[in-house]
């Protein structure tokens, strides 16, 4: 039987990302029992590291065993019961998934739609909630299907005015985009391990405010999902250490190491690094005739979503990037299929070198197909942006 020998790709899509050697090494260390005292200490450290990364003091802060979508489900089924009013802001593929999960709880849905590529207008949310008493307002912070970074401040004000819980998806933003859960008055915030944290897919960090914890304690009915019921999971991660399920031990090792790297670098430095590299990449993409889908005020510093030049076949372009240059990026979803590229600079994959490498590869392929008369424009624009940033930093 053949062994598993996957290629080592340069992962520049919307996730997963390349992982640092330290994370791989952590995953090769000896497995313990899930109630072993040594492992319980690692769990405690992971909780503290997650509080640092979320910038929160929330007691309920832990990784749900499952991908980012598991975090999404946990964030909704724990706080919604049949008959509750729930407002979901929908302007992309993953926000649609939030609405689908929320509707399955039996909640009364209040869906506020936005055009894909544009943020949701807070006034539309306020208008939709006039005379209603929502228990939850749910929003995607960084929508990876469109590249839109949704401002959260106005939504937090609306949520607290209505005594509603603000539930926020930060799967592509945690660890790469400025996020301060307590300061931003977010009640339930979840993410994924495989993007800016540069760990394998399979864990969904989540944090819950005291307002959220109180709502969980005061439910009239049991949480619809036994596995994702945070009142049970929290007892395993809390002081009680009550058995709930067999934790993915090796994955917890990986998350511990990934979060340790985040803390060693420092959040402010990490946010600045993502913005620095993404600014250079966007300058190069603009020079290649690939403008951003969202307006500049709503850019993510971890993901660029750009329009394809007229006539470019995105599947062919991406296939050649992979086969010739070993670079993976992603195409569009839903109504944007075939119209955009989704390019991530996240975590370990976020570097000046990767930005320049991708731009150079794109230039070669576009020139070969006759969409560019000469190469050098995109990489040159990125180089100029990096040089300017160095001059500013030196002052």
Protein backbone atom coordinates (compact mmCIF):
# COMPACT_ATOMS: atom_id res chain seq x y z
CA UNK A 1 0.00 0.00 0.00
CA UNK A 2 1.32 3.45 -0.91
CA UNK A 3 2.07 5.95 1.84
CA UNK A 4 0.36 9.35 1.88
CA UNK A 5 2.71 11.82 0.20
CA UNK A 6 0.82 15.04 -0.58
CA UNK A 7 2.72 17.89 -2.26
CA UNK A 8 3.89 20.87 -0.26
CA UNK A 9 1.79 23.67 -1.77
CA UNK A 10 2.06 27.41 -1.33
CA UNK A 11 -1.39 28.03 0.12
CA UNK A 12 -2.61 31.52 -0.76
CA UNK A 13 -6.35 30.93 -0.82
CA UNK A 14 -8.95 31.79 1.84
CA UNK A 15 -7.70 28.91 4.01
CA UNK A 16 -6.20 26.60 5.05
CA UNK A 17 -2.77 28.19 5.21
CA UNK A 18 0.74 26.83 5.38
CA UNK A 19 1.75 25.93 8.93
CA UNK A 20 4.94 26.76 10.81
CA UNK A 21 7.37 23.96 11.56
CA UNK A 22 6.66 24.34 15.27
CA UNK A 23 3.01 23.39 14.75
CA UNK A 24 3.96 20.28 12.75
CA UNK A 25 6.45 19.33 15.45
CA UNK A 26 3.83 19.72 18.19
CA UNK A 27 1.58 17.28 16.34
CA UNK A 28 4.28 14.58 16.39
CA UNK A 29 4.68 14.61 20.18
CA UNK A 30 3.30 11.73 22.31
CA UNK A 31 -0.45 11.49 22.76
CA UNK A 32 -1.85 11.34 26.29
CA UNK A 33 -5.25 10.52 27.69
CA UNK A 34 -7.78 13.34 27.47
CA UNK A 35 -7.99 13.45 31.28
CA UNK A 36 -4.25 13.16 31.87
CA UNK A 37 -3.03 15.88 34.29
CA UNK A 38 -0.41 17.02 31.78
CA UNK A 39 -3.02 17.40 29.06
CA UNK A 40 -5.40 19.23 31.41
CA UNK A 41 -2.63 21.76 32.04
CA UNK A 42 -2.19 22.22 28.29
CA UNK A 43 -5.95 22.83 28.04
CA UNK A 44 -5.73 25.53 30.70
CA UNK A 45 -2.93 27.22 28.80
CA UNK A 46 -4.93 27.06 25.54
CA UNK A 47 -7.81 28.81 27.28
CA UNK A 48 -5.52 31.60 28.45
CA UNK A 49 -3.92 31.94 25.00
CA UNK A 50 -7.34 32.17 23.39
CA UNK A 51 -8.34 34.93 25.82
CA UNK A 52 -5.20 36.80 24.78
CA UNK A 53 -5.96 36.34 21.09
CA UNK A 54 -9.65 37.29 21.38
CA UNK A 55 -8.66 40.14 23.75
CA UNK A 56 -11.25 39.10 26.32
CA UNK A 57 -11.66 38.09 29.93
CA UNK A 58 -14.61 35.80 29.19
CA UNK A 59 -14.74 32.69 31.36
CA UNK A 60 -16.24 30.58 28.55
CA UNK A 61 -13.38 30.65 26.05
CA UNK A 62 -12.46 27.33 24.46
CA UNK A 63 -11.98 25.49 21.16
CA UNK A 64 -15.01 23.57 19.92
CA UNK A 65 -14.01 20.20 18.45
CA UNK A 66 -14.86 20.75 14.79
CA UNK A 67 -14.21 23.13 11.91
CA UNK A 68 -15.26 26.77 11.74
CA UNK A 69 -18.76 25.70 10.71
CA UNK A 70 -18.98 23.77 13.99
CA UNK A 71 -18.20 27.04 15.76
CA UNK A 72 -20.95 28.71 13.75
CA UNK A 73 -23.45 26.05 14.75
CA UNK A 74 -22.43 26.17 18.42
CA UNK A 75 -22.69 29.98 18.42
CA UNK A 76 -26.29 29.83 17.21
CA UNK A 77 -27.92 26.70 18.64
CA UNK A 78 -26.83 27.53 22.20
CA UNK A 79 -28.57 30.91 22.23
CA UNK A 80 -31.64 30.43 20.03
CA UNK A 81 -34.83 28.61 20.94
CA UNK A 82 -38.03 28.07 18.96
CA UNK A 83 -39.96 31.34 18.72
CA UNK A 84 -36.99 33.63 19.39
CA UNK A 85 -36.46 36.51 16.98
CA UNK A 86 -33.09 36.27 15.23
CA UNK A 87 -31.63 38.85 12.86
CA UNK A 88 -28.95 37.65 10.43
CA UNK A 89 -27.03 40.03 8.15
CA UNK A 90 -26.60 38.26 4.81
CA UNK A 91 -24.21 39.53 2.16
CA UNK A 92 -22.28 36.43 1.20
CA UNK A 93 -21.97 32.66 1.18
CA UNK A 94 -21.08 32.15 4.84
CA UNK A 95 -23.67 34.60 6.11
CA UNK A 96 -26.23 32.54 4.18
CA UNK A 97 -25.01 29.51 6.10
CA UNK A 98 -25.56 31.38 9.38
CA UNK A 99 -29.14 32.10 8.32
CA UNK A 100 -29.69 28.44 7.40
CA UNK A 101 -28.43 27.20 10.78
CA UNK A 102 -30.44 29.82 12.69
CA UNK A 103 -33.62 28.92 10.82
CA UNK A 104 -33.25 25.28 11.85
CA UNK A 105 -33.49 26.24 15.52
CA UNK A 106 -37.11 27.31 15.01
CA UNK A 107 -36.27 30.98 15.48
CA UNK A 108 -38.25 33.69 13.71
CA UNK A 109 -35.85 34.91 11.05
CA UNK A 110 -35.27 38.59 10.29
CA UNK A 111 -32.89 38.56 7.34
CA UNK A 112 -31.22 41.80 6.29
CA UNK A 113 -29.67 41.40 2.84
CA UNK A 114 -26.79 43.28 1.26
CA UNK A 115 -25.37 43.11 -2.24
CA UNK A 116 -22.43 40.69 -2.43
CA UNK A 117 -19.30 42.84 -2.20
CA UNK A 118 -20.86 45.55 -0.05
CA UNK A 119 -21.25 45.80 3.74
CA UNK A 120 -24.65 45.81 5.38
CA UNK A 121 -26.00 49.28 6.13
CA UNK A 122 -26.62 49.50 9.92
CA UNK A 123 -29.66 51.69 9.23
CA UNK A 124 -31.27 48.81 7.36
CA UNK A 125 -30.72 46.65 10.44
CA UNK A 126 -32.23 49.28 12.72
CA UNK A 127 -35.25 49.63 10.40
CA UNK A 128 -35.76 45.86 10.21
CA UNK A 129 -35.73 45.59 14.02
CA UNK A 130 -38.16 48.41 14.69
CA UNK A 131 -40.85 46.98 16.95
CA UNK A 132 -39.07 43.62 17.28
CA UNK A 133 -37.24 42.07 20.22
CA UNK A 134 -34.40 40.01 18.73
CA UNK A 135 -32.55 37.65 21.00
CA UNK A 136 -29.60 37.40 18.57
CA UNK A 137 -28.08 39.61 15.89
CA UNK A 138 -25.62 37.53 13.85
CA UNK A 139 -23.01 38.87 11.44
CA UNK A 140 -19.89 37.75 9.59
CA UNK A 141 -16.93 40.03 10.42
CA UNK A 142 -14.89 39.07 7.36
CA UNK A 143 -16.90 37.41 4.57
CA UNK A 144 -14.46 35.21 2.64
CA UNK A 145 -16.81 34.87 -0.33
CA UNK A 146 -16.70 38.64 -0.99
CA UNK A 147 -13.73 40.05 0.94
CA UNK A 148 -15.94 42.49 2.85
CA UNK A 149 -14.91 43.50 6.37
CA UNK A 150 -18.13 44.50 8.14
CA UNK A 151 -17.79 47.35 10.68
CA UNK A 152 -19.04 46.05 14.03
CA UNK A 153 -19.34 49.19 16.18
CA UNK A 154 -22.77 50.34 14.93
CA UNK A 155 -24.11 46.80 15.10
CA UNK A 156 -22.99 46.41 18.71
CA UNK A 157 -24.88 49.59 19.56
CA UNK A 158 -28.02 48.28 17.87
CA UNK A 159 -27.72 44.89 19.55
CA UNK A 160 -27.35 46.29 23.03
CA UNK A 161 -30.13 48.83 22.46
CA UNK A 162 -32.42 45.85 21.80
CA UNK A 163 -30.89 43.77 24.63
CA UNK A 164 -29.84 41.26 21.97
CA UNK A 165 -26.71 39.12 21.83
CA UNK A 166 -24.23 40.09 19.12
CA UNK A 167 -22.90 36.88 17.52
CA UNK A 168 -19.87 37.39 15.25
CA UNK A 169 -18.08 35.07 12.83
CA UNK A 170 -14.33 35.84 12.83
CA UNK A 171 -13.10 32.72 11.02
CA UNK A 172 -10.79 34.61 8.59
CA UNK A 173 -9.98 37.56 10.85
CA UNK A 174 -8.94 36.26 14.30
CA UNK A 175 -5.19 36.73 14.65
CA UNK A 176 -4.80 38.74 11.44
CA UNK A 177 -7.25 41.65 11.63
CA UNK A 178 -7.76 43.99 14.61
CA UNK A 179 -10.34 42.39 16.89
CA UNK A 180 -10.97 43.13 20.57
CA UNK A 181 -13.97 41.17 21.77
CA UNK A 182 -14.58 42.92 25.10
CA UNK A 183 -13.92 46.43 23.81
CA UNK A 184 -16.15 45.85 20.77
CA UNK A 185 -18.94 44.48 23.00
CA UNK A 186 -19.26 41.17 21.16
CA UNK A 187 -21.26 38.59 23.09
CA UNK A 188 -20.47 35.42 21.16
CA UNK A 189 -17.43 35.23 18.88
CA UNK A 190 -16.14 32.17 17.05
CA UNK A 191 -13.37 31.43 14.60
CA UNK A 192 -11.43 28.60 12.96
CA UNK A 193 -7.97 27.16 13.53
CA UNK A 194 -6.85 26.96 9.89
CA UNK A 195 -6.63 30.58 8.77
CA UNK A 196 -4.70 33.39 10.50
CA UNK A 197 -3.80 31.03 13.36
CA UNK A 198 -2.02 28.70 10.86
CA UNK A 199 -3.09 25.44 12.47
CA UNK A 200 -4.79 22.45 10.83
CA UNK A 201 -8.55 22.64 10.17
CA UNK A 202 -10.57 20.99 12.89
CA UNK A 203 -10.96 23.35 15.85
CA UNK A 204 -13.26 26.33 16.28
CA UNK A 205 -12.24 28.76 19.04
CA UNK A 206 -15.25 30.41 20.66
CA UNK A 207 -15.72 32.94 23.46
CA UNK A 208 -18.94 33.90 25.25
CA UNK A 209 -19.59 37.04 27.32
CA UNK A 210 -21.28 36.97 30.70
CA UNK A 211 -24.47 38.22 29.00
CA UNK A 212 -24.25 35.23 26.69
CA UNK A 213 -23.51 32.83 29.54
CA UNK A 214 -26.55 34.14 31.43
CA UNK A 215 -28.74 33.61 28.36
CA UNK A 216 -27.43 30.04 28.12
CA UNK A 217 -28.19 29.37 31.79
CA UNK A 218 -31.72 30.78 31.44
CA UNK A 219 -32.83 28.74 28.43
CA UNK A 220 -36.35 27.35 28.61
CA UNK A 221 -35.42 24.22 26.64
CA UNK A 222 -32.38 22.05 26.14
CA UNK A 223 -29.87 23.01 23.47
CA UNK A 224 -30.87 21.20 20.27
CA UNK A 225 -27.39 19.69 19.86
CA UNK A 226 -25.93 17.54 22.63
CA UNK A 227 -22.42 17.68 21.19
CA UNK A 228 -22.31 21.46 20.79
CA UNK A 229 -24.10 22.26 24.06
CA UNK A 230 -21.62 24.67 25.62
CA UNK A 231 -23.00 24.12 29.12
CA UNK A 232 -21.54 20.61 28.88
CA UNK A 233 -18.40 21.40 26.91
CA UNK A 234 -17.55 24.28 29.27
CA UNK A 235 -17.54 21.93 32.27
CA UNK A 236 -14.82 19.87 30.59
CA UNK A 237 -12.76 22.97 29.81
CA UNK A 238 -13.53 24.65 33.13
CA UNK A 239 -12.44 23.87 36.66
CA UNK A 240 -14.79 20.88 36.97
CA UNK A 241 -13.01 18.90 34.20
CA UNK A 242 -16.17 16.83 33.80
CA UNK A 243 -15.83 14.36 30.93
CA UNK A 244 -17.78 15.41 27.86
CA UNK A 245 -16.06 13.90 24.82
CA UNK A 246 -12.61 12.67 23.87
CA UNK A 247 -10.79 15.82 22.88
CA UNK A 248 -8.73 15.84 19.64
CA UNK A 249 -5.52 15.82 21.64
CA UNK A 250 -3.03 16.27 18.82
CA UNK A 251 -5.10 19.14 17.42
CA UNK A 252 -5.02 20.82 20.84
CA UNK A 253 -1.23 20.48 20.84
CA UNK A 254 -1.17 22.20 17.44
CA UNK A 255 -3.46 25.01 18.57
CA UNK A 256 -1.38 25.55 21.70
CA UNK A 257 1.73 26.01 19.56
CA UNK A 258 -0.01 28.22 16.99
CA UNK A 259 -1.43 30.49 19.68
CA UNK A 260 1.95 30.62 21.41
CA UNK A 261 3.45 31.94 18.18
CA UNK A 262 0.72 34.58 18.00
CA UNK A 263 1.49 35.74 21.52
CA UNK A 264 5.25 35.77 20.96
CA UNK A 265 4.81 37.97 17.90
CA UNK A 266 2.26 40.18 19.65
CA UNK A 267 -1.21 40.95 18.32
CA UNK A 268 -0.46 44.54 17.32
CA UNK A 269 2.64 43.44 15.39
CA UNK A 270 0.74 40.60 13.77
CA UNK A 271 -2.12 42.87 12.66
CA UNK A 272 0.38 45.37 11.25
CA UNK A 273 2.28 42.64 9.38
CA UNK A 274 -0.90 41.39 7.69
CA UNK A 275 -1.86 44.94 6.67
CA UNK A 276 1.67 45.63 5.36
CA UNK A 277 1.82 42.55 3.12
CA UNK A 278 -1.76 42.92 1.92
CA UNK A 279 -1.23 46.57 0.97
CA UNK A 280 1.64 45.51 -1.30
CA UNK A 281 -0.39 42.68 -2.83
CA UNK A 282 -3.35 44.97 -3.55
CA UNK A 283 -1.06 47.53 -5.21
CA UNK A 284 0.24 44.82 -7.51
CA UNK A 285 -3.19 43.42 -8.31
CA UNK A 286 -4.51 46.89 -9.11
CA UNK A 287 -1.61 47.38 -11.53
CA UNK A 288 -2.55 44.10 -13.24
CA UNK A 289 -6.12 45.28 -13.82
CA UNK A 290 -7.59 43.27 -10.95
CA UNK A 291 -9.43 45.81 -8.78
CA UNK A 292 -10.85 44.93 -5.40
CA UNK A 293 -14.49 43.88 -5.20
CA UNK A 294 -15.18 45.72 -1.90
CA UNK A 295 -14.50 49.42 -1.49
CA UNK A 296 -11.20 50.27 0.30
CA UNK A 297 -12.95 51.14 3.59
CA UNK A 298 -14.16 47.54 3.81
CA UNK A 299 -11.00 45.65 2.90
CA UNK A 300 -9.74 42.75 4.98
CA UNK A 301 -6.01 42.71 5.67
CA UNK A 302 -6.01 38.89 5.51
CA UNK A 303 -7.88 38.34 2.23
CA UNK A 304 -8.13 40.11 -1.13
CA UNK A 305 -11.14 39.48 -3.36
CA UNK A 306 -10.49 40.95 -6.81
CA UNK A 307 -12.29 41.11 -10.13
CA UNK A 308 -10.89 39.12 -13.04
CA UNK A 309 -9.92 40.91 -16.24
CA UNK A 310 -12.55 40.54 -18.97
CA UNK A 311 -12.17 37.23 -20.78
CA UNK A 312 -9.89 35.49 -18.28
CA UNK A 313 -10.96 31.93 -17.45
CA UNK A 314 -10.49 31.67 -13.69
CA UNK A 315 -10.41 27.86 -13.61
CA UNK A 316 -7.70 27.70 -16.25
CA UNK A 317 -5.71 30.46 -14.56
CA UNK A 318 -5.87 28.82 -11.14
CA UNK A 319 -5.08 25.38 -12.56
CA UNK A 320 -1.92 26.70 -14.24
CA UNK A 321 -0.89 28.55 -11.07
CA UNK A 322 -1.09 25.25 -9.23
CA UNK A 323 0.58 23.03 -11.83
CA UNK A 324 3.39 25.40 -12.86
CA UNK A 325 4.07 27.46 -9.75
CA UNK A 326 2.65 25.26 -6.96
CA UNK A 327 0.44 28.14 -5.76
CA UNK A 328 -3.16 27.63 -4.66
CA UNK A 329 -5.71 30.47 -4.74
CA UNK A 330 -9.50 30.27 -4.94
CA UNK A 331 -12.27 31.32 -7.29
CA UNK A 332 -15.69 32.75 -6.61
CA UNK A 333 -18.74 31.19 -4.96
CA UNK A 334 -22.41 31.62 -5.79
CA UNK A 335 -23.17 34.62 -8.01
CA UNK A 336 -19.46 35.53 -8.10
CA UNK A 337 -18.35 32.20 -9.59
CA UNK A 338 -16.06 32.82 -12.55
CA UNK A 339 -15.88 36.56 -11.87
CA UNK A 340 -13.36 36.93 -9.03
CA UNK A 341 -10.23 35.55 -7.41
CA UNK A 342 -9.92 35.07 -3.64
CA UNK A 343 -6.35 35.47 -2.43
CA UNK A 344 -5.33 35.05 1.19
CA UNK A 345 -2.25 36.24 3.01
CA UNK A 346 -2.96 34.64 6.36
CA UNK A 347 -0.77 33.62 9.26
CA UNK A 348 2.38 31.83 8.10
CA UNK A 349 1.37 32.31 4.45
CA UNK A 350 1.41 36.08 4.96
CA UNK A 351 4.77 37.35 3.73
CA UNK A 352 6.26 39.89 1.35
CA UNK A 353 7.86 37.03 -0.56
CA UNK A 354 4.58 35.23 -1.15
CA UNK A 355 2.93 38.44 -2.37
CA UNK A 356 5.73 39.06 -4.88
CA UNK A 357 5.85 35.42 -5.96
CA UNK A 358 2.13 35.30 -6.70
CA UNK A 359 2.17 38.58 -8.62
CA UNK A 360 5.11 37.43 -10.73
CA UNK A 361 3.40 34.13 -11.53
CA UNK A 362 0.13 35.87 -12.43
CA UNK A 363 1.98 38.26 -14.75
CA UNK A 364 3.65 35.40 -16.61
CA UNK A 365 0.37 33.55 -17.13
CA UNK A 366 -1.60 36.64 -18.15
CA UNK A 367 1.14 37.72 -20.56
CA UNK A 368 1.21 34.27 -22.17
CA UNK A 369 -2.51 34.53 -22.83
CA UNK A 370 -2.23 38.01 -24.30
CA UNK A 371 -3.84 39.94 -21.43
CA UNK A 372 -0.60 41.76 -20.62
CA UNK A 373 1.84 43.24 -23.12
CA UNK A 374 4.77 43.02 -20.70
CA UNK A 375 5.58 41.64 -17.27
CA UNK A 376 6.87 43.55 -14.27
CA UNK A 377 4.03 45.98 -13.71
CA UNK A 378 2.32 44.12 -10.83
CA UNK A 379 5.45 43.03 -9.00
CA UNK A 380 6.91 46.49 -9.56
CA UNK A 381 3.90 48.19 -7.98
CA UNK A 382 4.14 45.87 -4.99
CA UNK A 383 7.87 46.54 -4.65
CA UNK A 384 7.23 50.29 -4.73
CA UNK A 385 4.59 49.92 -2.00
CA UNK A 386 7.00 47.91 0.16
CA UNK A 387 9.80 50.41 -0.39
CA UNK A 388 7.51 53.31 0.54
CA UNK A 389 6.42 51.51 3.69
CA UNK A 390 10.08 50.98 4.64
CA UNK A 391 10.78 54.69 4.19
CA UNK A 392 7.81 55.62 6.37
CA UNK A 393 8.82 53.09 9.05
CA UNK A 394 12.36 54.49 9.13
CA UNK A 395 11.23 58.04 9.91
